[in-house]
């Protein structure tokens, strides 16, 4: 494990503090205006701050690397499929388990596509160039994937806390610590894909598929009236990530000597 250089440390801290602070101001404004729709602006903060810091520190070349090089690149079909269906498959398995695998009882919460899909896509784009495009590579330049993902998961999770305080931004009827657990596990999943693809596109797809699963499948307590199905989902995702990090431990648990940014 390398020692975090001062520039990398400054950028990690600056990005994290500014993103959380600005999002808190937006949520406070949303609360004072009594308009929960204002809080949706927080989803654009991570990618926007990543853009600003990168423009100041690296100029056009840095912006190209962040928004183009990490997006428009050859990516294996396997990783695209994992990004698109990984979380929905686990969520569907959790739903089926709660139904005793009676497929005839499996149903979608809603079949309405618009405006949900547009919002889900915008959320992923607004966040992922910040979380995976900017922050994760800087963490990976010092820590292994496990440590980097836990740190990022905690930052990403607590970034949601101001919205949680005003009743938006996270699933209703769910304890914040439980939500934080999901975010850390979700970070492990998305970061694992990023580690092998170096693609923010796969991160965006994984983020979209996760939010779509929560929107369209009967998994969240606000739709089911119980935490049981969500706990099953957490169990399956936990088992999957433990298996992946054990099998690939020589890659994922080692300090990487490659420069990521």
C-alpha atoms as a PDB file:
ATOM      1  CA  UNK A   1       0.000   0.000   0.000  1.00  0.00           C
ATOM      2  CA  UNK A   2       1.425   3.335  -1.010  1.00  0.00           C
ATOM      3  CA  UNK A   3       1.367   6.447   1.118  1.00  0.00           C
ATOM      4  CA  UNK A   4      -1.300   8.837  -0.091  1.00  0.00           C
ATOM      5  CA  UNK A   5       0.441  11.777  -1.749  1.00  0.00           C
ATOM      6  CA  UNK A   6      -0.526  15.249  -0.580  1.00  0.00           C
ATOM      7  CA  UNK A   7      -2.208  16.183  -3.872  1.00  0.00           C
ATOM      8  CA  UNK A   8      -4.313  13.036  -3.919  1.00  0.00           C
ATOM      9  CA  UNK A   9      -5.256  13.514  -0.266  1.00  0.00           C
ATOM     10  CA  UNK A  10      -6.248  17.140  -0.853  1.00  0.00           C
ATOM     11  CA  UNK A  11      -8.416  16.231  -3.844  1.00  0.00           C
ATOM     12  CA  UNK A  12     -10.164  13.391  -2.002  1.00  0.00           C
ATOM     13  CA  UNK A  13     -10.896  15.572   1.022  1.00  0.00           C
ATOM     14  CA  UNK A  14     -11.835  18.641  -1.021  1.00  0.00           C
ATOM     15  CA  UNK A  15     -14.183  16.702  -3.260  1.00  0.00           C
ATOM     16  CA  UNK A  16     -15.854  14.870  -0.366  1.00  0.00           C
ATOM     17  CA  UNK A  17     -16.299  17.944   1.828  1.00  0.00           C
ATOM     18  CA  UNK A  18     -17.604  20.182  -0.965  1.00  0.00           C
ATOM     19  CA  UNK A  19     -19.995  17.552  -2.311  1.00  0.00           C
ATOM     20  CA  UNK A  20     -21.502  16.838   1.104  1.00  0.00           C
ATOM     21  CA  UNK A  21     -21.595  20.531   2.105  1.00  0.00           C
ATOM     22  CA  UNK A  22     -23.216  21.721  -1.131  1.00  0.00           C
ATOM     23  CA  UNK A  23     -25.745  18.903  -1.067  1.00  0.00           C
ATOM     24  CA  UNK A  24     -26.570  19.814   2.540  1.00  0.00           C
ATOM     25  CA  UNK A  25     -27.229  23.430   1.488  1.00  0.00           C
ATOM     26  CA  UNK A  26     -29.532  22.233  -1.293  1.00  0.00           C
ATOM     27  CA  UNK A  27     -31.426  19.959   1.090  1.00  0.00           C
ATOM     28  CA  UNK A  28     -31.741  22.753   3.643  1.00  0.00           C
ATOM     29  CA  UNK A  29     -33.075  25.054   0.927  1.00  0.00           C
ATOM     30  CA  UNK A  30     -35.533  22.359  -0.104  1.00  0.00           C
ATOM     31  CA  UNK A  31     -36.708  22.088   3.502  1.00  0.00           C
ATOM     32  CA  UNK A  32     -37.053  25.862   3.996  1.00  0.00           C
ATOM     33  CA  UNK A  33     -38.916  26.238   0.691  1.00  0.00           C
ATOM     34  CA  UNK A  34     -41.115  23.266   1.610  1.00  0.00           C
ATOM     35  CA  UNK A  35     -40.452  21.895  -1.854  1.00  0.00           C
ATOM     36  CA  UNK A  36     -38.951  18.370  -1.906  1.00  0.00           C
ATOM     37  CA  UNK A  37     -38.383  18.649  -5.661  1.00  0.00           C
ATOM     38  CA  UNK A  38     -35.512  21.070  -5.013  1.00  0.00           C
ATOM     39  CA  UNK A  39     -33.539  18.292  -3.315  1.00  0.00           C
ATOM     40  CA  UNK A  40     -33.248  16.400  -6.630  1.00  0.00           C
ATOM     41  CA  UNK A  41     -30.537  18.915  -7.563  1.00  0.00           C
ATOM     42  CA  UNK A  42     -28.190  17.116  -5.161  1.00  0.00           C
ATOM     43  CA  UNK A  43     -27.787  14.251  -7.633  1.00  0.00           C
ATOM     44  CA  UNK A  44     -25.889  16.528 -10.009  1.00  0.00           C
ATOM     45  CA  UNK A  45     -23.444  17.710  -7.352  1.00  0.00           C
ATOM     46  CA  UNK A  46     -20.864  14.842  -7.445  1.00  0.00           C
ATOM     47  CA  UNK A  47     -20.263  14.963 -11.199  1.00  0.00           C
ATOM     48  CA  UNK A  48     -20.372  18.769 -11.236  1.00  0.00           C
ATOM     49  CA  UNK A  49     -17.759  19.123  -8.495  1.00  0.00           C
ATOM     50  CA  UNK A  50     -15.622  16.486 -10.204  1.00  0.00           C
ATOM     51  CA  UNK A  51     -15.834  18.545 -13.395  1.00  0.00           C
ATOM     52  CA  UNK A  52     -14.835  21.778 -11.629  1.00  0.00           C
ATOM     53  CA  UNK A  53     -11.880  20.305  -9.700  1.00  0.00           C
ATOM     54  CA  UNK A  54     -10.640  18.449 -12.772  1.00  0.00           C
ATOM     55  CA  UNK A  55     -10.909  21.558 -14.955  1.00  0.00           C
ATOM     56  CA  UNK A  56      -8.906  23.589 -12.438  1.00  0.00           C
ATOM     57  CA  UNK A  57      -6.207  20.994 -11.760  1.00  0.00           C
ATOM     58  CA  UNK A  58      -5.871  19.163 -15.093  1.00  0.00           C
ATOM     59  CA  UNK A  59      -7.561  21.354 -17.709  1.00  0.00           C
ATOM     60  CA  UNK A  60      -8.933  20.024 -20.981  1.00  0.00           C
ATOM     61  CA  UNK A  61      -6.823  16.871 -20.868  1.00  0.00           C
ATOM     62  CA  UNK A  62      -8.220  15.953 -17.466  1.00  0.00           C
ATOM     63  CA  UNK A  63     -11.783  16.615 -18.573  1.00  0.00           C
ATOM     64  CA  UNK A  64     -11.238  14.415 -21.611  1.00  0.00           C
ATOM     65  CA  UNK A  65      -9.910  11.599 -19.419  1.00  0.00           C
ATOM     66  CA  UNK A  66     -12.805  11.953 -16.973  1.00  0.00           C
ATOM     67  CA  UNK A  67     -15.763  12.300 -19.320  1.00  0.00           C
ATOM     68  CA  UNK A  68     -14.601  10.718 -22.582  1.00  0.00           C
ATOM     69  CA  UNK A  69     -11.755   8.276 -21.997  1.00  0.00           C
ATOM     70  CA  UNK A  70     -13.595   6.588 -19.114  1.00  0.00           C
ATOM     71  CA  UNK A  71     -16.826   6.404 -21.096  1.00  0.00           C
ATOM     72  CA  UNK A  72     -16.073   5.733 -24.745  1.00  0.00           C
ATOM     73  CA  UNK A  73     -13.899   2.647 -24.560  1.00  0.00           C
ATOM     74  CA  UNK A  74     -14.022  -1.002 -25.500  1.00  0.00           C
ATOM     75  CA  UNK A  75     -15.723  -2.961 -22.742  1.00  0.00           C
ATOM     76  CA  UNK A  76     -16.337  -6.697 -22.662  1.00  0.00           C
ATOM     77  CA  UNK A  77     -19.907  -7.873 -23.147  1.00  0.00           C
ATOM     78  CA  UNK A  78     -19.625  -9.822 -19.889  1.00  0.00           C
ATOM     79  CA  UNK A  79     -19.127  -6.664 -17.870  1.00  0.00           C
ATOM     80  CA  UNK A  80     -21.899  -4.791 -19.655  1.00  0.00           C
ATOM     81  CA  UNK A  81     -24.308  -7.643 -18.866  1.00  0.00           C
ATOM     82  CA  UNK A  82     -23.187  -7.851 -15.239  1.00  0.00           C
ATOM     83  CA  UNK A  83     -23.685  -4.094 -14.924  1.00  0.00           C
ATOM     84  CA  UNK A  84     -27.170  -4.238 -16.430  1.00  0.00           C
ATOM     85  CA  UNK A  85     -28.623  -7.347 -14.806  1.00  0.00           C
ATOM     86  CA  UNK A  86     -26.494  -8.122 -11.741  1.00  0.00           C
ATOM     87  CA  UNK A  87     -28.486  -6.186  -9.129  1.00  0.00           C
ATOM     88  CA  UNK A  88     -31.915  -6.835 -10.760  1.00  0.00           C
ATOM     89  CA  UNK A  89     -31.221 -10.600 -10.790  1.00  0.00           C
ATOM     90  CA  UNK A  90     -30.329 -10.596  -7.078  1.00  0.00           C
ATOM     91  CA  UNK A  91     -33.346  -8.408  -6.290  1.00  0.00           C
ATOM     92  CA  UNK A  92     -35.627 -10.721  -8.299  1.00  0.00           C
ATOM     93  CA  UNK A  93     -34.184 -13.728  -6.466  1.00  0.00           C
ATOM     94  CA  UNK A  94     -34.961 -12.031  -3.150  1.00  0.00           C
ATOM     95  CA  UNK A  95     -38.545 -11.376  -4.271  1.00  0.00           C
ATOM     96  CA  UNK A  96     -38.994 -14.971  -5.453  1.00  0.00           C
ATOM     97  CA  UNK A  97     -37.575 -16.286  -2.183  1.00  0.00           C
ATOM     98  CA  UNK A  98     -40.105 -14.232  -0.236  1.00  0.00           C
ATOM     99  CA  UNK A  99     -42.820 -15.737  -2.463  1.00  0.00           C
ATOM    100  CA  UNK A 100     -41.578 -19.300  -1.858  1.00  0.00           C
ATOM    101  CA  UNK A 101     -40.549 -19.348  -5.522  1.00  0.00           C
ATOM    102  CA  UNK A 102     -44.160 -19.195  -6.670  1.00  0.00           C
ATOM    103  CA  UNK A 103     -43.497 -17.499 -10.024  1.00  0.00           C
ATOM    104  CA  UNK A 104     -47.218 -16.951 -10.598  1.00  0.00           C
ATOM    105  CA  UNK A 105     -47.190 -14.434  -7.730  1.00  0.00           C
ATOM    106  CA  UNK A 106     -44.196 -12.501  -9.079  1.00  0.00           C
ATOM    107  CA  UNK A 107     -45.276  -9.064 -10.258  1.00  0.00           C
ATOM    108  CA  UNK A 108     -43.870  -5.608 -10.945  1.00  0.00           C
ATOM    109  CA  UNK A 109     -44.682  -2.684  -8.708  1.00  0.00           C
ATOM    110  CA  UNK A 110     -45.367  -0.550 -11.759  1.00  0.00           C
ATOM    111  CA  UNK A 111     -44.971  -0.754 -15.533  1.00  0.00           C
ATOM    112  CA  UNK A 112     -44.834   2.992 -16.051  1.00  0.00           C
ATOM    113  CA  UNK A 113     -41.617   3.943 -17.857  1.00  0.00           C
ATOM    114  CA  UNK A 114     -41.786   7.736 -17.907  1.00  0.00           C
ATOM    115  CA  UNK A 115     -40.716   9.855 -16.159  1.00  0.00           C
ATOM    116  CA  UNK A 116     -39.090   7.261 -13.873  1.00  0.00           C
ATOM    117  CA  UNK A 117     -36.515   6.029 -16.376  1.00  0.00           C
ATOM    118  CA  UNK A 118     -35.427   9.568 -17.280  1.00  0.00           C
ATOM    119  CA  UNK A 119     -34.955  10.438 -13.609  1.00  0.00           C
ATOM    120  CA  UNK A 120     -33.073   7.195 -12.930  1.00  0.00           C
ATOM    121  CA  UNK A 121     -30.689   7.831 -15.837  1.00  0.00           C
ATOM    122  CA  UNK A 122     -30.067  11.452 -14.810  1.00  0.00           C
ATOM    123  CA  UNK A 123     -29.329  10.371 -11.238  1.00  0.00           C
ATOM    124  CA  UNK A 124     -26.716   7.869 -12.398  1.00  0.00           C
ATOM    125  CA  UNK A 125     -25.001  10.326 -14.740  1.00  0.00           C
ATOM    126  CA  UNK A 126     -25.143  13.119 -12.170  1.00  0.00           C
ATOM    127  CA  UNK A 127     -23.396  10.969  -9.569  1.00  0.00           C
ATOM    128  CA  UNK A 128     -21.112   8.444 -11.234  1.00  0.00           C
ATOM    129  CA  UNK A 129     -18.561  10.769 -12.840  1.00  0.00           C
ATOM    130  CA  UNK A 130     -18.007  11.983  -9.293  1.00  0.00           C
ATOM    131  CA  UNK A 131     -18.018   8.733  -7.331  1.00  0.00           C
ATOM    132  CA  UNK A 132     -16.438   6.306  -9.782  1.00  0.00           C
ATOM    133  CA  UNK A 133     -14.918   8.636 -12.369  1.00  0.00           C
ATOM    134  CA  UNK A 134     -13.174  11.017  -9.955  1.00  0.00           C
ATOM    135  CA  UNK A 135     -13.060   9.713  -6.384  1.00  0.00           C
ATOM    136  CA  UNK A 136     -12.525   5.967  -6.794  1.00  0.00           C
ATOM    137  CA  UNK A 137      -9.410   6.228  -9.013  1.00  0.00           C
ATOM    138  CA  UNK A 138      -7.762   8.507  -6.447  1.00  0.00           C
ATOM    139  CA  UNK A 139      -8.545   6.062  -3.656  1.00  0.00           C
ATOM    140  CA  UNK A 140      -7.285   3.145  -5.745  1.00  0.00           C
ATOM    141  CA  UNK A 141      -4.006   4.939  -6.257  1.00  0.00           C
ATOM    142  CA  UNK A 142      -3.333   4.251  -2.579  1.00  0.00           C
ATOM    143  CA  UNK A 143      -5.653   1.551  -1.244  1.00  0.00           C
ATOM    144  CA  UNK A 144      -6.775  -1.829  -2.509  1.00  0.00           C
ATOM    145  CA  UNK A 145     -10.273  -2.200  -3.899  1.00  0.00           C
ATOM    146  CA  UNK A 146     -11.812  -3.380  -0.628  1.00  0.00           C
ATOM    147  CA  UNK A 147     -10.574  -0.427   1.416  1.00  0.00           C
ATOM    148  CA  UNK A 148     -11.278   2.022  -1.394  1.00  0.00           C
ATOM    149  CA  UNK A 149     -14.842   0.752  -1.738  1.00  0.00           C
ATOM    150  CA  UNK A 150     -15.545   0.926   1.990  1.00  0.00           C
ATOM    151  CA  UNK A 151     -14.240   4.509   2.170  1.00  0.00           C
ATOM    152  CA  UNK A 152     -16.197   5.498  -0.925  1.00  0.00           C
ATOM    153  CA  UNK A 153     -19.291   3.677   0.345  1.00  0.00           C
ATOM    154  CA  UNK A 154     -19.192   5.606   3.612  1.00  0.00           C
ATOM    155  CA  UNK A 155     -18.773   8.927   1.803  1.00  0.00           C
ATOM    156  CA  UNK A 156     -21.505   8.077  -0.700  1.00  0.00           C
ATOM    157  CA  UNK A 157     -23.776   6.848   2.072  1.00  0.00           C
ATOM    158  CA  UNK A 158     -23.400   9.869   4.341  1.00  0.00           C
ATOM    159  CA  UNK A 159     -23.826  12.127   1.313  1.00  0.00           C
ATOM    160  CA  UNK A 160     -27.450  10.896   1.408  1.00  0.00           C
ATOM    161  CA  UNK A 161     -27.883  11.845   5.077  1.00  0.00           C
ATOM    162  CA  UNK A 162     -29.063  15.470   4.579  1.00  0.00           C
ATOM    163  CA  UNK A 163     -31.762  14.198   2.190  1.00  0.00           C
ATOM    164  CA  UNK A 164     -32.682  11.514   4.720  1.00  0.00           C
ATOM    165  CA  UNK A 165     -33.211  14.204   7.360  1.00  0.00           C
ATOM    166  CA  UNK A 166     -35.843  15.927   5.203  1.00  0.00           C
ATOM    167  CA  UNK A 167     -37.512  12.699   4.112  1.00  0.00           C
ATOM    168  CA  UNK A 168     -36.174  12.353   0.575  1.00  0.00           C
ATOM    169  CA  UNK A 169     -33.318  10.659  -1.216  1.00  0.00           C
ATOM    170  CA  UNK A 170     -33.500   7.217   0.360  1.00  0.00           C
ATOM    171  CA  UNK A 171     -36.197   4.534   0.603  1.00  0.00           C
ATOM    172  CA  UNK A 172     -38.957   5.399   3.039  1.00  0.00           C
ATOM    173  CA  UNK A 173     -39.511   3.311   6.181  1.00  0.00           C
ATOM    174  CA  UNK A 174     -35.865   2.228   6.274  1.00  0.00           C
ATOM    175  CA  UNK A 175     -33.340   2.896   9.015  1.00  0.00           C
ATOM    176  CA  UNK A 176     -30.416   4.957   7.751  1.00  0.00           C
ATOM    177  CA  UNK A 177     -27.858   2.416   9.015  1.00  0.00           C
ATOM    178  CA  UNK A 178     -29.559  -0.281   6.947  1.00  0.00           C
ATOM    179  CA  UNK A 179     -29.479   2.010   3.936  1.00  0.00           C
ATOM    180  CA  UNK A 180     -25.794   2.710   4.588  1.00  0.00           C
ATOM    181  CA  UNK A 181     -25.140  -1.039   4.604  1.00  0.00           C
ATOM    182  CA  UNK A 182     -26.759  -1.321   1.172  1.00  0.00           C
ATOM    183  CA  UNK A 183     -24.717   1.600  -0.168  1.00  0.00           C
ATOM    184  CA  UNK A 184     -21.452   0.010   0.976  1.00  0.00           C
ATOM    185  CA  UNK A 185     -22.409  -3.334  -0.584  1.00  0.00           C
ATOM    186  CA  UNK A 186     -23.554  -1.572  -3.748  1.00  0.00           C
ATOM    187  CA  UNK A 187     -20.249   0.287  -3.830  1.00  0.00           C
ATOM    188  CA  UNK A 188     -18.349  -2.999  -3.599  1.00  0.00           C
ATOM    189  CA  UNK A 189     -20.374  -4.332  -6.534  1.00  0.00           C
ATOM    190  CA  UNK A 190     -19.980  -1.282  -8.790  1.00  0.00           C
ATOM    191  CA  UNK A 191     -16.325  -0.733  -7.849  1.00  0.00           C
ATOM    192  CA  UNK A 192     -15.526  -4.383  -8.631  1.00  0.00           C
ATOM    193  CA  UNK A 193     -16.846  -3.818 -12.149  1.00  0.00           C
ATOM    194  CA  UNK A 194     -14.958  -0.531 -12.480  1.00  0.00           C
ATOM    195  CA  UNK A 195     -11.724  -2.184 -11.344  1.00  0.00           C
ATOM    196  CA  UNK A 196     -11.749  -4.490 -14.350  1.00  0.00           C
ATOM    197  CA  UNK A 197     -13.254  -2.109 -16.919  1.00  0.00           C
ATOM    198  CA  UNK A 198     -11.974   1.360 -15.916  1.00  0.00           C
ATOM    199  CA  UNK A 199     -15.303   2.465 -17.375  1.00  0.00           C
ATOM    200  CA  UNK A 200     -17.679   4.981 -15.869  1.00  0.00           C
ATOM    201  CA  UNK A 201     -20.232   3.718 -18.405  1.00  0.00           C
ATOM    202  CA  UNK A 202     -20.440   0.379 -16.602  1.00  0.00           C
ATOM    203  CA  UNK A 203     -20.813   2.260 -13.307  1.00  0.00           C
ATOM    204  CA  UNK A 204     -23.654   4.302 -14.769  1.00  0.00           C
ATOM    205  CA  UNK A 205     -25.355   1.162 -16.082  1.00  0.00           C
ATOM    206  CA  UNK A 206     -25.011  -0.594 -12.720  1.00  0.00           C
ATOM    207  CA  UNK A 207     -26.373   2.466 -10.911  1.00  0.00           C
ATOM    208  CA  UNK A 208     -29.307   2.664 -13.327  1.00  0.00           C
ATOM    209  CA  UNK A 209     -30.097  -1.024 -12.963  1.00  0.00           C
ATOM    210  CA  UNK A 210     -30.000  -0.843  -9.150  1.00  0.00           C
ATOM    211  CA  UNK A 211     -32.367   2.131  -8.985  1.00  0.00           C
ATOM    212  CA  UNK A 212     -34.616   0.523 -11.596  1.00  0.00           C
ATOM    213  CA  UNK A 213     -34.771  -2.677  -9.531  1.00  0.00           C
ATOM    214  CA  UNK A 214     -35.830  -0.720  -6.459  1.00  0.00           C
ATOM    215  CA  UNK A 215     -38.401   1.223  -8.456  1.00  0.00           C
ATOM    216  CA  UNK A 216     -39.993  -1.635 -10.388  1.00  0.00           C
ATOM    217  CA  UNK A 217     -39.616  -4.678  -8.128  1.00  0.00           C
ATOM    218  CA  UNK A 218     -41.475  -5.265  -4.874  1.00  0.00           C
ATOM    219  CA  UNK A 219     -38.445  -5.179  -2.633  1.00  0.00           C
ATOM    220  CA  UNK A 220     -38.495  -1.960  -0.595  1.00  0.00           C
ATOM    221  CA  UNK A 221     -40.477  -1.821   2.669  1.00  0.00           C
ATOM    222  CA  UNK A 222     -42.528   1.155   1.473  1.00  0.00           C
ATOM    223  CA  UNK A 223     -44.000  -1.136  -1.197  1.00  0.00           C
ATOM    224  CA  UNK A 224     -44.101  -4.455   0.686  1.00  0.00           C
ATOM    225  CA  UNK A 225     -44.845  -3.306   4.242  1.00  0.00           C
ATOM    226  CA  UNK A 226     -41.931  -5.410   5.493  1.00  0.00           C
ATOM    227  CA  UNK A 227     -38.130  -5.423   5.503  1.00  0.00           C
ATOM    228  CA  UNK A 228     -37.984  -9.175   4.859  1.00  0.00           C
ATOM    229  CA  UNK A 229     -37.474  -9.044   1.088  1.00  0.00           C
ATOM    230  CA  UNK A 230     -34.886  -6.298   1.357  1.00  0.00           C
ATOM    231  CA  UNK A 231     -32.952  -8.290   3.978  1.00  0.00           C
ATOM    232  CA  UNK A 232     -32.939 -11.266   1.605  1.00  0.00           C
ATOM    233  CA  UNK A 233     -31.524  -9.010  -1.095  1.00  0.00           C
ATOM    234  CA  UNK A 234     -28.824  -7.787   1.305  1.00  0.00           C
ATOM    235  CA  UNK A 235     -28.011 -11.407   2.186  1.00  0.00           C
ATOM    236  CA  UNK A 236     -27.636 -12.485  -1.425  1.00  0.00           C
ATOM    237  CA  UNK A 237     -25.532  -9.451  -2.322  1.00  0.00           C
ATOM    238  CA  UNK A 238     -23.324  -9.973   0.737  1.00  0.00           C
ATOM    239  CA  UNK A 239     -22.711 -13.615  -0.155  1.00  0.00           C
ATOM    240  CA  UNK A 240     -21.930 -12.696  -3.758  1.00  0.00           C
ATOM    241  CA  UNK A 241     -19.427 -10.009  -2.787  1.00  0.00           C
ATOM    242  CA  UNK A 242     -17.717 -12.242  -0.223  1.00  0.00           C
ATOM    243  CA  UNK A 243     -17.326 -14.944  -2.868  1.00  0.00           C
ATOM    244  CA  UNK A 244     -15.972 -12.492  -5.443  1.00  0.00           C
ATOM    245  CA  UNK A 245     -13.484 -10.883  -3.070  1.00  0.00           C
ATOM    246  CA  UNK A 246     -12.318 -14.299  -1.849  1.00  0.00           C
ATOM    247  CA  UNK A 247     -11.902 -15.824  -5.309  1.00  0.00           C
ATOM    248  CA  UNK A 248     -10.254 -12.693  -6.718  1.00  0.00           C
ATOM    249  CA  UNK A 249      -8.395 -11.776  -3.527  1.00  0.00           C
ATOM    250  CA  UNK A 250      -4.995 -11.684  -5.273  1.00  0.00           C
ATOM    251  CA  UNK A 251      -6.300  -8.802  -7.387  1.00  0.00           C
ATOM    252  CA  UNK A 252      -8.843  -7.083  -5.192  1.00  0.00           C
ATOM    253  CA  UNK A 253      -7.063  -7.250  -1.835  1.00  0.00           C
ATOM    254  CA  UNK A 254      -3.629  -6.213  -2.998  1.00  0.00           C
ATOM    255  CA  UNK A 255      -2.216  -2.726  -3.202  1.00  0.00           C
ATOM    256  CA  UNK A 256      -2.184  -1.760  -6.858  1.00  0.00           C
ATOM    257  CA  UNK A 257       0.946  -0.144  -8.215  1.00  0.00           C
ATOM    258  CA  UNK A 258      -0.800   1.261 -11.273  1.00  0.00           C
ATOM    259  CA  UNK A 259      -1.584   4.957 -11.449  1.00  0.00           C
ATOM    260  CA  UNK A 260      -5.330   5.422 -11.814  1.00  0.00           C
ATOM    261  CA  UNK A 261      -5.542   9.131 -12.519  1.00  0.00           C
END
